[in-house]
Protein backbone atom coordinates (compact mmCIF):
# COMPACT_ATOMS: atom_id res chain seq x y z
CA UNK A 1 -12.20 4.69 9.71
CA UNK A 2 -13.31 7.49 7.33
CA UNK A 3 -12.73 10.22 9.87
CA UNK A 4 -10.13 12.71 8.68
CA UNK A 5 -7.76 14.57 10.96
CA UNK A 6 -7.74 18.14 12.18
CA UNK A 7 -4.33 19.72 11.92
CA UNK A 8 -2.84 19.36 15.35
CA UNK A 9 -0.07 17.28 16.86
CA UNK A 10 -2.31 14.67 18.52
CA UNK A 11 0.34 12.95 20.60
CA UNK A 12 1.23 16.23 22.32
CA UNK A 13 -2.30 17.18 23.23
CA UNK A 14 -2.06 18.04 26.94
CA UNK A 15 -5.80 17.58 27.47
CA UNK A 16 -5.59 13.78 26.98
CA UNK A 17 -4.53 11.18 29.48
CA UNK A 18 -0.86 10.22 29.10
CA UNK A 19 0.48 6.97 30.53
CA UNK A 20 4.25 6.69 30.46
CA UNK A 21 5.47 3.54 28.69
CA UNK A 22 8.04 3.03 31.44
CA UNK A 23 5.16 2.16 33.78
CA UNK A 24 4.51 -1.05 31.85
CA UNK A 25 7.99 -2.17 30.71
CA UNK A 26 8.63 -3.98 27.41
CA UNK A 27 6.68 -7.19 28.13
CA UNK A 28 3.87 -5.43 29.93
CA UNK A 29 3.55 -3.09 26.94
CA UNK A 30 3.40 -6.00 24.51
CA UNK A 31 0.79 -7.79 26.59
CA UNK A 32 -1.26 -4.60 26.85
CA UNK A 33 -1.21 -3.81 23.15
CA UNK A 34 -1.85 -7.33 21.90
CA UNK A 35 -4.36 -8.68 24.42
CA UNK A 36 -7.28 -8.16 22.04
CA UNK A 37 -5.74 -9.93 19.06
CA UNK A 38 -7.42 -13.25 18.34
CA UNK A 39 -6.20 -16.21 16.25
CA UNK A 40 -8.29 -16.70 13.10
CA UNK A 41 -5.98 -18.67 10.77
CA UNK A 42 -5.75 -22.45 10.86
CA UNK A 43 -2.05 -22.18 9.88
CA UNK A 44 -1.28 -20.28 13.14
CA UNK A 45 -0.29 -23.01 15.63
CA UNK A 46 1.03 -20.52 18.22
CA UNK A 47 1.15 -16.71 18.06
CA UNK A 48 2.29 -14.09 20.52
CA UNK A 49 3.72 -15.27 23.85
CA UNK A 50 6.88 -17.25 23.22
CA UNK A 51 10.30 -16.81 21.61
CA UNK A 52 8.79 -17.40 18.13
CA UNK A 53 5.51 -17.97 16.46
CA UNK A 54 4.73 -21.45 15.12
CA UNK A 55 3.09 -21.71 11.71
CA UNK A 56 2.01 -24.74 9.63
CA UNK A 57 1.41 -24.33 5.93
CA UNK A 58 1.56 -28.10 5.21
CA UNK A 59 2.13 -28.54 1.42
CA UNK A 60 1.76 -24.90 0.52
CA UNK A 61 4.53 -22.46 -0.48
CA UNK A 62 5.13 -19.72 2.08
CA UNK A 63 5.60 -16.10 0.89
CA UNK A 64 7.13 -13.45 3.10
CA UNK A 65 7.63 -9.71 2.70
CA UNK A 66 8.59 -6.84 5.02
CA UNK A 67 8.36 -3.07 4.94
CA UNK A 68 9.73 -0.27 7.09
CA UNK A 69 7.95 3.06 7.74
CA UNK A 70 9.89 5.93 9.34
CA UNK A 71 8.43 9.13 10.76
CA UNK A 72 9.53 12.13 8.75
CA UNK A 73 10.29 9.95 5.66
CA UNK A 74 7.16 7.93 5.07
CA UNK A 75 4.58 9.73 7.21
CA UNK A 76 3.95 13.04 8.99
CA UNK A 77 2.08 12.80 12.30
CA UNK A 78 0.86 16.37 12.09
CA UNK A 79 -1.88 15.11 9.77
CA UNK A 80 -1.70 11.29 9.80
CA UNK A 81 -3.85 9.88 12.63
CA UNK A 82 -2.11 7.00 14.41
CA UNK A 83 -5.07 4.72 13.88
CA UNK A 84 -4.87 5.26 10.14
CA UNK A 85 -1.10 4.79 10.22
CA UNK A 86 -1.41 1.39 11.92
CA UNK A 87 -4.03 0.33 9.33
CA UNK A 88 -1.94 1.53 6.40
CA UNK A 89 1.26 -0.08 7.69
CA UNK A 90 -0.41 -3.49 7.56
CA UNK A 91 -2.11 -2.91 4.19
CA UNK A 92 1.05 -1.91 2.34
CA UNK A 93 2.60 -5.26 3.28
CA UNK A 94 -0.44 -7.33 2.43
CA UNK A 95 -0.41 -5.72 -0.99
CA UNK A 96 2.93 -7.37 -1.72
CA UNK A 97 1.50 -10.75 -0.74
CA UNK A 98 -1.46 -10.34 -3.04
CA UNK A 99 0.91 -9.29 -5.81
CA UNK A 100 2.32 -12.81 -5.67
CA UNK A 101 -1.22 -14.16 -6.17
CA UNK A 102 -0.99 -15.56 -2.63
CA UNK A 103 -3.27 -15.54 0.42
CA UNK A 104 -2.12 -13.39 3.34
CA UNK A 105 -2.36 -15.06 6.76
CA UNK A 106 -0.06 -13.50 9.36
CA UNK A 107 1.93 -10.34 10.19
CA UNK A 108 4.58 -9.45 12.77
CA UNK A 109 4.74 -5.87 14.08
CA UNK A 110 7.91 -4.21 15.29
CA UNK A 111 8.04 -0.62 16.52
CA UNK A 112 10.70 1.82 17.76
CA UNK A 113 9.29 4.69 19.84
CA UNK A 114 10.60 7.82 21.54
CA UNK A 115 9.55 8.84 25.02
CA UNK A 116 7.27 11.58 23.62
CA UNK A 117 4.70 8.86 22.87
CA UNK A 118 2.39 7.92 25.74
CA UNK A 119 0.61 4.59 26.00
CA UNK A 120 -2.60 6.12 24.69
CA UNK A 121 -0.87 7.01 21.37
CA UNK A 122 0.29 3.43 20.87
CA UNK A 123 -3.19 2.16 21.73
CA UNK A 124 -4.46 4.20 18.74
CA UNK A 125 -1.70 2.78 16.47
CA UNK A 126 -2.53 -0.79 17.49
CA UNK A 127 -6.28 -0.14 17.08
CA UNK A 128 -5.53 0.53 13.43
CA UNK A 129 -3.44 -2.66 13.21
CA UNK A 130 -6.21 -4.66 14.81
CA UNK A 131 -8.79 -3.14 12.40
CA UNK A 132 -6.65 -4.18 9.39
CA UNK A 133 -6.20 -7.66 10.83
CA UNK A 134 -9.96 -7.99 11.15
CA UNK A 135 -10.73 -6.68 7.61
CA UNK A 136 -8.13 -8.90 5.95
CA UNK A 137 -8.64 -11.90 8.19
CA UNK A 138 -5.00 -12.21 9.32
CA UNK A 139 -3.28 -13.01 12.59
CA UNK A 140 -0.79 -10.75 14.37
CA UNK A 141 1.72 -13.37 15.68
CA UNK A 142 4.68 -11.43 17.07
CA UNK A 143 7.09 -8.55 16.71
CA UNK A 144 9.41 -6.41 18.80
CA UNK A 145 9.44 -3.10 20.62
CA UNK A 146 12.42 -0.81 21.35
CA UNK A 147 13.23 2.79 22.04
CA UNK A 148 14.05 5.43 19.45
CA UNK A 149 15.68 8.83 19.74
CA UNK A 150 14.24 10.08 16.46
CA UNK A 151 10.52 9.41 16.58
CA UNK A 152 8.37 6.48 15.46
CA UNK A 153 9.46 3.59 13.23
CA UNK A 154 7.26 0.68 12.19
CA UNK A 155 8.42 -2.52 10.63
CA UNK A 156 5.85 -5.12 9.54
CA UNK A 157 6.51 -8.52 8.07
CA UNK A 158 3.65 -10.24 6.27
CA UNK A 159 3.33 -13.94 5.51
CA UNK A 160 1.07 -15.92 3.23
CA UNK A 161 0.81 -19.03 1.19
CA UNK A 162 -0.11 -20.35 -2.24
CA UNK A 163 0.07 -23.53 -4.23
CA UNK A 164 3.22 -23.51 -6.25
CA UNK A 165 1.38 -23.53 -9.59
CA UNK A 166 -0.63 -20.42 -8.58
CA UNK A 167 2.29 -18.17 -7.63
CA UNK A 168 2.87 -15.25 -9.99
CA UNK A 169 6.26 -13.55 -10.30
CA UNK A 170 7.49 -10.41 -12.05
CA UNK A 171 9.42 -12.34 -14.67
CA UNK A 172 6.67 -14.18 -16.57
CA UNK A 173 5.41 -11.63 -19.05
CA UNK A 174 5.48 -12.58 -22.74
CA UNK A 175 6.03 -10.35 -25.79
CA UNK A 176 2.41 -10.20 -26.83
CA UNK A 177 0.77 -10.18 -23.40
CA UNK A 178 -1.77 -7.51 -22.42
CA UNK A 179 -0.95 -5.13 -19.59
CA UNK A 180 -3.75 -4.71 -17.05
CA UNK A 181 -4.22 -2.51 -13.99
CA UNK A 182 -6.89 -2.66 -11.28
CA UNK A 183 -8.82 0.33 -9.96
CA UNK A 184 -7.69 3.90 -10.69
CA UNK A 185 -4.42 5.73 -10.24
CA UNK A 186 -3.03 9.00 -8.92
CA UNK A 187 -5.55 9.71 -6.10
CA UNK A 188 -3.20 8.86 -3.24
CA UNK A 189 -0.55 11.29 -4.46
CA UNK A 190 -3.08 14.07 -4.76
CA UNK A 191 -4.38 13.29 -1.29
CA UNK A 192 -0.88 13.87 0.03
CA UNK A 193 -0.56 17.15 -1.84
CA UNK A 194 -3.76 18.38 -0.33
CA UNK A 195 -2.69 17.40 3.19
CA UNK A 196 0.67 19.07 2.74
CA UNK A 197 -0.99 22.24 1.44
CA UNK A 198 -3.39 22.39 4.41
CA UNK A 199 -0.56 21.76 6.84
CA UNK A 200 1.19 24.91 5.59
CA UNK A 201 -2.04 26.87 5.94
CA UNK A 202 -2.42 25.54 9.53
CA UNK A 203 1.18 26.44 10.45
CA UNK A 204 0.60 29.98 9.23
CA UNK A 205 -2.73 30.23 11.06
CA UNK A 206 -3.36 27.56 13.75
CA UNK A 207 -6.95 28.71 14.16
CA UNK A 208 -7.74 27.66 10.58
CA UNK A 209 -9.23 24.27 10.04
CA UNK A 210 -9.73 23.07 6.44
CA UNK A 211 -12.93 21.77 4.88
CA UNK A 212 -11.78 18.54 3.26
CA UNK A 213 -15.13 17.08 2.31
CA UNK A 214 -14.68 17.71 -1.42
CA UNK A 215 -11.36 15.81 -1.31
CA UNK A 216 -12.66 12.81 0.70
CA UNK A 217 -11.81 10.17 -1.91
CA UNK A 218 -8.31 11.47 -2.49
CA UNK A 219 -7.46 11.82 1.20
CA UNK A 220 -8.86 8.39 1.97
CA UNK A 221 -6.67 6.87 -0.73
CA UNK A 222 -3.65 8.44 0.98
CA UNK A 223 -4.48 7.87 4.65
CA UNK A 224 -6.35 4.61 4.44
CA UNK A 225 -5.50 2.66 1.28
CA UNK A 226 -6.87 -0.82 0.69
CA UNK A 227 -4.92 -3.77 -0.68
CA UNK A 228 -6.58 -5.70 -3.57
CA UNK A 229 -7.38 -8.89 -1.76
CA UNK A 230 -10.38 -9.31 -4.04
CA UNK A 231 -8.45 -9.62 -7.36
CA UNK A 232 -7.18 -13.18 -6.76
CA UNK A 233 -10.75 -14.44 -6.41
CA UNK A 234 -11.95 -12.36 -9.33
CA UNK A 235 -9.31 -13.67 -11.72
CA UNK A 236 -9.98 -17.23 -10.56
CA UNK A 237 -13.70 -16.79 -11.26
CA UNK A 238 -12.88 -15.40 -14.70
CA UNK A 239 -10.51 -18.33 -15.32
CA UNK A 240 -7.63 -15.95 -15.97
CA UNK A 241 -4.07 -16.68 -14.81
CA UNK A 242 -1.70 -13.69 -14.79
CA UNK A 243 1.67 -14.27 -16.43
CA UNK A 244 3.37 -11.62 -14.25
CA UNK A 245 2.27 -9.31 -11.47
CA UNK A 246 3.45 -6.44 -9.22
CA UNK A 247 1.69 -3.99 -6.89
CA UNK A 248 1.71 -0.26 -7.62
CA UNK A 249 3.47 1.32 -4.64
CA UNK A 250 6.20 3.45 -6.33
CA UNK A 251 4.20 4.72 -9.35
CA UNK A 252 2.89 3.06 -12.52
CA UNK A 253 5.95 3.90 -14.59
CA UNK A 254 8.37 2.34 -12.11
CA UNK A 255 6.31 -0.84 -11.81
CA UNK A 256 5.88 -1.26 -15.58
CA UNK A 257 9.65 -0.95 -15.97
CA UNK A 258 10.22 -3.55 -13.22
CA UNK A 259 7.99 -6.02 -15.11
CA UNK A 260 9.72 -5.32 -18.40
CA UNK A 261 13.26 -5.72 -17.02
CA UNK A 262 12.41 -8.89 -15.05
CA UNK A 263 10.68 -10.43 -18.06
CA UNK A 264 13.09 -9.15 -20.72
CA UNK A 265 10.35 -7.52 -22.79
CA UNK A 266 9.35 -4.07 -24.00
CA UNK A 267 6.04 -2.30 -23.58
CA UNK A 268 3.59 0.10 -25.23
CA UNK A 269 1.72 1.84 -22.47
CA UNK A 270 -1.20 3.99 -23.76
CA UNK A 271 -1.79 7.32 -22.07
CA UNK A 272 -5.48 7.41 -22.91
CA UNK A 273 -6.10 4.00 -21.31
CA UNK A 274 -4.75 4.91 -17.83
CA UNK A 275 -7.70 4.83 -15.41
CA UNK A 276 -8.33 8.11 -13.57
CA UNK A 277 -11.07 8.94 -11.14
CA UNK A 278 -12.96 12.19 -12.05
CA UNK A 279 -11.77 13.77 -8.81
CA UNK A 280 -8.17 13.20 -9.86
CA UNK A 281 -8.75 15.10 -13.08
CA UNK A 282 -10.52 17.97 -11.24
CA UNK A 283 -7.80 18.37 -8.59
CA UNK A 284 -5.01 18.13 -11.17
CA UNK A 285 -6.62 21.15 -12.83
CA UNK A 286 -6.81 22.91 -9.48
CA UNK A 287 -3.15 22.24 -8.71
CA UNK A 288 -2.11 22.80 -12.31
CA UNK A 289 -0.69 19.29 -12.56
CA UNK A 290 -0.61 16.91 -15.50
CA UNK A 291 -2.90 14.00 -14.65
CA UNK A 292 -0.80 11.54 -16.68
CA UNK A 293 2.34 12.53 -14.78
CA UNK A 294 0.49 12.10 -11.51
CA UNK A 295 -0.77 8.65 -12.43
CA UNK A 296 2.62 7.53 -13.78
CA UNK A 297 4.74 8.79 -10.93
CA UNK A 298 2.56 9.46 -7.86
CA UNK A 299 2.71 6.07 -6.18
CA UNK A 300 0.97 4.65 -3.08
CA UNK A 301 -2.04 3.51 -5.10
CA UNK A 302 -1.56 -0.16 -4.03
CA UNK A 303 -3.42 -1.37 -7.07
CA UNK A 304 -2.21 -4.48 -8.92
CA UNK A 305 -0.47 -4.37 -12.28
CA UNK A 306 -0.29 -7.63 -14.20
CA UNK A 307 -0.04 -9.23 -17.63
CA UNK A 308 -2.28 -11.76 -19.30
CA UNK A 309 -2.33 -13.79 -22.45
CA UNK A 310 -4.17 -12.20 -25.38
CA UNK A 311 -6.56 -15.16 -25.48
CA UNK A 312 -7.91 -14.00 -22.06
CA UNK A 313 -8.96 -10.61 -23.40
CA UNK A 314 -12.68 -11.59 -23.86
CA UNK A 315 -12.86 -12.71 -20.21
CA UNK A 316 -11.90 -9.32 -18.79
CA UNK A 317 -12.79 -6.71 -21.38
CA UNK A 318 -16.07 -5.67 -19.73
CA UNK A 319 -14.96 -5.95 -16.10
CA UNK A 320 -15.20 -2.57 -14.29
CA UNK A 321 -12.36 -3.49 -11.91
CA UNK A 322 -9.82 -3.98 -14.65
CA UNK A 323 -8.31 -1.69 -17.33
CA UNK A 324 -6.09 -2.82 -20.21
CA UNK A 325 -3.50 -0.11 -20.45
CA UNK A 326 -1.06 -1.55 -22.96
CA UNK A 327 0.73 -4.58 -24.31
CA UNK A 328 4.18 -6.12 -24.01
CA UNK A 329 6.51 -6.06 -27.01
CA UNK A 330 9.94 -7.33 -28.04
CA UNK A 331 12.65 -6.04 -25.72
CA UNK A 332 14.36 -4.30 -28.64
CA UNK A 333 11.28 -2.15 -29.11
CA UNK A 334 11.94 -0.48 -25.77
CA UNK A 335 9.61 0.72 -23.04
CA UNK A 336 7.40 3.49 -24.32
CA UNK A 337 4.42 5.65 -23.42
CA UNK A 338 2.09 6.19 -26.41
CA UNK A 339 0.62 9.66 -25.95
CA UNK A 340 -2.84 10.87 -26.90
CA UNK A 341 -1.17 12.43 -29.92
CA UNK A 342 -0.02 8.92 -30.89
CA UNK A 343 3.65 9.74 -30.25
CA UNK A 344 5.83 7.17 -28.47
CA UNK A 345 8.18 8.55 -25.82
CA UNK A 346 10.51 6.64 -23.56
CA UNK A 347 9.01 5.57 -20.24
CA UNK A 348 10.89 7.00 -17.30
CA UNK A 349 10.95 5.69 -13.73
CA UNK A 350 10.26 8.85 -11.78
CA UNK A 351 8.21 7.45 -8.87
CA UNK A 352 9.17 7.14 -5.22
CA UNK A 353 12.84 6.35 -4.57
CA UNK A 354 13.35 4.96 -1.04
CA UNK A 355 17.03 5.84 -1.09
CA UNK A 356 17.15 9.61 -1.18
CA UNK A 357 20.27 11.72 -1.06
C-alpha cells in the first residue's frame, strides 16, 4: 500500500480493460465487489445478502458513526489512487470509534458512481476497503450502490462496542486534567500541499513526473492514514482511563475547542509541546509555512486527543506514543495557546470546515 501515484487520471486510461457497470446490474455489482469479504467478528450474525445485517453485541453498548466523502470536496482522483481512497474511507470512520474508547467491528459501504467509472475502477476501490477490513479486523456487512451525475461519493458507517464503564465522551474533562495527543501532527496537511503542487506542475507539463521519495512520510499520512487502534490497549496496559477524548480530523485547535466547550473548561495549550515530525519542520521551511499553524489547523492527522487525571502523569510521561501538550483550566480562564515566547493568545478554530460557502 506504500505505492504512490503518478499524475494521470487513472479511471480514464484507455489502455486498461473497462467493463461497463450496466453489464452487471446493481445486485450483480454488489455480489462481484463483496464476494471476497469474509466474516471475522463473532458479533456478526449475518452480513451481506439480505435486507439488513444482523448483529449481536449481547450486554455491550453499541457505538455508531458515519462519514461522507465526495469527489472534488474531500478527494481529487487525479492524484488519489482508488485503492488508497477505499482504505482511507474506512480508516476515517474507525478513528471515530476508537475516539470513544470502543472496539470497531463492522462497517457498511454505500457509493454513488457516474458512468465514467468502469468495473475495474470499483474493484480497486473495494480492494482498498478489503485491505482496511483485514488490517483492522472488521466485517463489511452491507451498504448501497446508486448512480451519480457528479462523480464518486462514498458513505461509510462504522459500528463498534464497549462496556458502558469504558466509554469515553468529549464532556468529561476536569479543570486540572492534562491534555495528551498521540503521534505527531501536521504531516497529512503538508502531504496534501505537495500533491496539489505537483498536480499543477503536471497540468503545465504532462510529461513531467515528480520524484516524491523525500516526501514519502508526508504523502503516506495524507493518502493512507492509520487510525489509532493501538491506543486503547496501550492505555489499558498503563492503567490509565481518559476523562475525555476526540480524534484529530479537523485540526488540533478545533478539537481542543470541542473538548473545552463540551466539558465547560478552559485550556492552556503549549506551542513548544506540540509533536512534530522532522520532515514536517523541513517542508514547512520549504513552503515558507509556520509549523505551529500547520499542526493546529491542518487536520486529517487521525491521531487521538484526550485528557487524563494529573495522578496518571507518571504512567505516561516516558511513553514515546504520547505527548502532554497542555492542561485544562477553569472555563473563565479561556482557551489559550501559550507561545514559545510565553505569551498566551486566544485559540482559534481554523481547521477544516465541512460546510463551505
